[in-house]
Amino acid sequence: MFFNFMDELRAAGISASLKEHLVLLEALEKDVIQRSPEEFYYLSRATFVKDEGLLDRFDQVFQRSLKASKPPTARRKRISRSTG
């Protein structure tokens, strides 16, 4: 499963090395995260994405490869503008 994910990342222009793959597996083995899709998303994104400009590509690959419903959305505060 993870090797297909790495292949998809590479096809999308995101360099995914074997070392990064092993880092991800080690983190999972050491229970660095709780086993939820959202936490796995953030762990794998932090492991493989080194350029902010590749985040959209990563989201697309994550959704397609791991058959996730959708990557988690960033929680942002809404700033209300006062009219006056």
N, C-alpha and C. Protein backbone atom coordinates (compact mmCIF):
# COMPACT_ATOMS: atom_id res chain seq x y z
N MET A 1 0.83 -1.19 0.00
CA MET A 1 0.00 0.00 0.00
C MET A 1 0.87 1.26 0.00
N PHE A 2 1.88 1.30 0.90
CA PHE A 2 2.70 2.49 0.99
C PHE A 2 3.60 2.67 -0.22
N PHE A 3 4.01 1.58 -0.85
CA PHE A 3 4.87 1.73 -2.02
C PHE A 3 4.08 2.34 -3.18
N ASN A 4 2.81 1.98 -3.32
CA ASN A 4 1.97 2.63 -4.35
C ASN A 4 1.84 4.12 -4.06
N PHE A 5 1.70 4.46 -2.79
CA PHE A 5 1.60 5.86 -2.38
C PHE A 5 2.86 6.61 -2.77
N MET A 6 4.01 6.02 -2.51
CA MET A 6 5.28 6.66 -2.88
C MET A 6 5.40 6.81 -4.39
N ASP A 7 5.00 5.79 -5.14
CA ASP A 7 5.04 5.88 -6.60
C ASP A 7 4.14 7.00 -7.10
N GLU A 8 2.97 7.12 -6.51
CA GLU A 8 2.05 8.19 -6.89
C GLU A 8 2.63 9.57 -6.56
N LEU A 9 3.27 9.69 -5.41
CA LEU A 9 3.90 10.96 -5.04
C LEU A 9 4.97 11.33 -6.06
N ARG A 10 5.80 10.37 -6.41
CA ARG A 10 6.86 10.63 -7.39
C ARG A 10 6.28 11.02 -8.75
N ALA A 11 5.21 10.34 -9.16
CA ALA A 11 4.58 10.66 -10.44
C ALA A 11 4.01 12.08 -10.44
N ALA A 12 3.64 12.57 -9.26
CA ALA A 12 3.09 13.92 -9.13
C ALA A 12 4.18 14.98 -8.96
N GLY A 13 5.44 14.54 -8.99
CA GLY A 13 6.54 15.50 -8.88
C GLY A 13 7.00 15.76 -7.46
N ILE A 14 6.58 14.92 -6.53
CA ILE A 14 7.01 15.05 -5.13
C ILE A 14 8.07 13.98 -4.89
N SER A 15 9.27 14.41 -4.57
CA SER A 15 10.33 13.42 -4.35
C SER A 15 10.02 12.66 -3.06
N ALA A 16 9.96 11.36 -3.17
CA ALA A 16 9.68 10.50 -2.01
C ALA A 16 10.78 9.44 -1.98
N SER A 17 11.71 9.63 -1.08
CA SER A 17 12.85 8.72 -1.01
C SER A 17 12.54 7.51 -0.14
N LEU A 18 13.34 6.49 -0.31
CA LEU A 18 13.21 5.30 0.53
C LEU A 18 13.45 5.67 2.00
N LYS A 19 14.40 6.56 2.23
CA LYS A 19 14.68 6.99 3.60
C LYS A 19 13.46 7.65 4.23
N GLU A 20 12.77 8.50 3.48
CA GLU A 20 11.56 9.14 4.00
C GLU A 20 10.48 8.10 4.29
N HIS A 21 10.38 7.12 3.42
CA HIS A 21 9.43 6.03 3.62
C HIS A 21 9.73 5.29 4.93
N LEU A 22 11.01 5.02 5.16
CA LEU A 22 11.41 4.32 6.38
C LEU A 22 11.17 5.18 7.62
N VAL A 23 11.36 6.48 7.50
CA VAL A 23 11.07 7.40 8.61
C VAL A 23 9.59 7.34 8.96
N LEU A 24 8.74 7.34 7.94
CA LEU A 24 7.30 7.26 8.15
C LEU A 24 6.94 5.94 8.85
N LEU A 25 7.49 4.85 8.37
CA LEU A 25 7.21 3.54 8.98
C LEU A 25 7.69 3.48 10.43
N GLU A 26 8.86 4.05 10.69
CA GLU A 26 9.39 4.07 12.05
C GLU A 26 8.50 4.88 12.98
N ALA A 27 8.03 6.02 12.51
CA ALA A 27 7.13 6.84 13.32
C ALA A 27 5.85 6.09 13.63
N LEU A 28 5.33 5.36 12.65
CA LEU A 28 4.12 4.57 12.89
C LEU A 28 4.39 3.44 13.89
N GLU A 29 5.54 2.82 13.75
CA GLU A 29 5.90 1.73 14.65
C GLU A 29 6.05 2.21 16.09
N LYS A 30 6.55 3.43 16.26
CA LYS A 30 6.77 3.98 17.60
C LYS A 30 5.55 4.73 18.13
N ASP A 31 4.43 4.60 17.43
CA ASP A 31 3.17 5.24 17.85
C ASP A 31 3.32 6.74 18.11
N VAL A 32 4.00 7.41 17.19
CA VAL A 32 4.17 8.85 17.28
C VAL A 32 2.81 9.56 17.16
N ILE A 33 1.92 8.95 16.42
CA ILE A 33 0.58 9.51 16.24
C ILE A 33 -0.45 8.48 16.68
N GLN A 34 -1.66 8.96 16.92
CA GLN A 34 -2.77 8.04 17.11
C GLN A 34 -3.16 7.55 15.72
N ARG A 35 -3.72 6.40 15.64
CA ARG A 35 -4.02 5.80 14.34
C ARG A 35 -5.33 6.35 13.77
N SER A 36 -5.29 7.58 13.36
CA SER A 36 -6.46 8.18 12.70
C SER A 36 -6.02 8.67 11.32
N PRO A 37 -6.94 8.68 10.37
CA PRO A 37 -6.58 9.16 9.03
C PRO A 37 -6.05 10.59 9.03
N GLU A 38 -6.62 11.44 9.86
CA GLU A 38 -6.17 12.83 9.90
C GLU A 38 -4.73 12.94 10.39
N GLU A 39 -4.40 12.22 11.45
CA GLU A 39 -3.04 12.29 11.96
C GLU A 39 -2.05 11.64 11.00
N PHE A 40 -2.47 10.56 10.33
CA PHE A 40 -1.59 9.96 9.32
C PHE A 40 -1.36 10.93 8.17
N TYR A 41 -2.39 11.66 7.78
CA TYR A 41 -2.26 12.66 6.73
C TYR A 41 -1.16 13.67 7.10
N TYR A 42 -1.25 14.23 8.31
CA TYR A 42 -0.28 15.25 8.70
C TYR A 42 1.13 14.69 8.87
N LEU A 43 1.24 13.47 9.39
CA LEU A 43 2.56 12.85 9.53
C LEU A 43 3.18 12.60 8.16
N SER A 44 2.41 12.03 7.25
CA SER A 44 2.97 11.74 5.92
C SER A 44 3.25 13.02 5.15
N ARG A 45 2.42 14.03 5.32
CA ARG A 45 2.67 15.31 4.65
C ARG A 45 3.95 15.94 5.17
N ALA A 46 4.16 15.89 6.49
CA ALA A 46 5.39 16.45 7.06
C ALA A 46 6.62 15.67 6.62
N THR A 47 6.44 14.39 6.36
CA THR A 47 7.56 13.54 5.96
C THR A 47 7.95 13.76 4.50
N PHE A 48 6.97 13.88 3.62
CA PHE A 48 7.26 13.90 2.19
C PHE A 48 7.26 15.27 1.53
N VAL A 49 6.51 16.24 2.04
CA VAL A 49 6.39 17.53 1.36
C VAL A 49 7.42 18.51 1.92
N LYS A 50 8.31 18.92 1.06
CA LYS A 50 9.38 19.85 1.47
C LYS A 50 9.19 21.25 0.90
N ASP A 51 8.18 21.42 0.08
CA ASP A 51 7.91 22.71 -0.56
C ASP A 51 6.42 22.99 -0.48
N GLU A 52 6.09 24.12 0.09
CA GLU A 52 4.69 24.51 0.27
C GLU A 52 3.89 24.47 -1.03
N GLY A 53 4.56 24.71 -2.13
CA GLY A 53 3.89 24.71 -3.43
C GLY A 53 3.41 23.33 -3.87
N LEU A 54 3.83 22.29 -3.17
CA LEU A 54 3.44 20.93 -3.53
C LEU A 54 2.28 20.39 -2.68
N LEU A 55 1.75 21.21 -1.79
CA LEU A 55 0.69 20.73 -0.89
C LEU A 55 -0.56 20.27 -1.64
N ASP A 56 -0.96 21.01 -2.66
CA ASP A 56 -2.16 20.60 -3.41
C ASP A 56 -1.95 19.27 -4.11
N ARG A 57 -0.77 19.08 -4.67
CA ARG A 57 -0.47 17.80 -5.33
C ARG A 57 -0.49 16.66 -4.31
N PHE A 58 0.09 16.92 -3.13
CA PHE A 58 0.09 15.90 -2.09
C PHE A 58 -1.35 15.54 -1.71
N ASP A 59 -2.19 16.55 -1.53
CA ASP A 59 -3.59 16.29 -1.17
C ASP A 59 -4.28 15.41 -2.21
N GLN A 60 -4.04 15.70 -3.48
CA GLN A 60 -4.66 14.91 -4.54
C GLN A 60 -4.16 13.47 -4.52
N VAL A 61 -2.86 13.30 -4.34
CA VAL A 61 -2.30 11.94 -4.30
C VAL A 61 -2.80 11.20 -3.07
N PHE A 62 -2.84 11.87 -1.93
CA PHE A 62 -3.31 11.24 -0.70
C PHE A 62 -4.73 10.74 -0.87
N GLN A 63 -5.57 11.59 -1.41
CA GLN A 63 -6.97 11.24 -1.60
C GLN A 63 -7.11 10.07 -2.58
N ARG A 64 -6.40 10.12 -3.66
CA ARG A 64 -6.50 9.09 -4.70
C ARG A 64 -5.87 7.76 -4.26
N SER A 65 -4.67 7.82 -3.70
CA SER A 65 -3.92 6.61 -3.37
C SER A 65 -4.46 5.88 -2.16
N LEU A 66 -4.79 6.64 -1.15
CA LEU A 66 -5.20 6.01 0.10
C LEU A 66 -6.71 5.99 0.24
N LYS A 67 -7.39 6.38 -0.80
CA LYS A 67 -8.84 6.36 -0.86
C LYS A 67 -9.48 7.04 0.35
N ALA A 68 -8.86 8.12 0.75
CA ALA A 68 -9.41 8.93 1.84
C ALA A 68 -10.57 9.74 1.29
N SER A 69 -11.51 10.05 2.11
CA SER A 69 -12.63 10.84 1.63
C SER A 69 -12.15 12.20 1.16
N LYS A 70 -11.38 12.86 1.99
CA LYS A 70 -10.76 14.13 1.63
C LYS A 70 -9.64 14.39 2.62
N PRO A 71 -8.59 15.06 2.18
CA PRO A 71 -7.57 15.47 3.15
C PRO A 71 -8.19 16.44 4.14
N PRO A 72 -7.75 16.43 5.37
CA PRO A 72 -8.30 17.36 6.36
C PRO A 72 -8.12 18.80 5.90
N THR A 73 -9.06 19.62 6.22
CA THR A 73 -8.95 21.03 5.86
C THR A 73 -8.28 21.77 7.00
N ALA A 74 -7.51 22.75 6.64
CA ALA A 74 -6.83 23.56 7.67
C ALA A 74 -7.88 24.34 8.44
N ARG A 75 -7.71 24.38 9.71
CA ARG A 75 -8.64 25.14 10.54
C ARG A 75 -8.15 26.58 10.59
N ARG A 76 -8.95 27.47 10.12
CA ARG A 76 -8.55 28.88 10.09
C ARG A 76 -9.60 29.70 10.82
N LYS A 77 -9.13 30.70 11.53
CA LYS A 77 -10.03 31.62 12.16
C LYS A 77 -10.58 32.55 11.10
N ARG A 78 -11.84 32.82 11.22
CA ARG A 78 -12.43 33.82 10.32
C ARG A 78 -12.24 35.19 10.94
N ILE A 79 -11.79 36.08 10.15
CA ILE A 79 -11.59 37.43 10.62
C ILE A 79 -12.77 38.26 10.16
N SER A 80 -13.51 38.76 11.10
CA SER A 80 -14.64 39.58 10.70
C SER A 80 -14.16 41.01 10.53
N ARG A 81 -14.60 41.57 9.47
CA ARG A 81 -14.21 42.95 9.17
C ARG A 81 -15.34 43.86 9.64
N SER A 82 -14.96 44.83 10.39
CA SER A 82 -15.99 45.76 10.86
C SER A 82 -16.23 46.80 9.79
N THR A 83 -17.47 47.07 9.58
CA THR A 83 -17.82 48.11 8.61
C THR A 83 -18.10 49.38 9.37
N GLY A 84 -17.61 50.42 8.92
CA GLY A 84 -17.83 51.59 9.73
C GLY A 84 -17.48 52.82 9.12
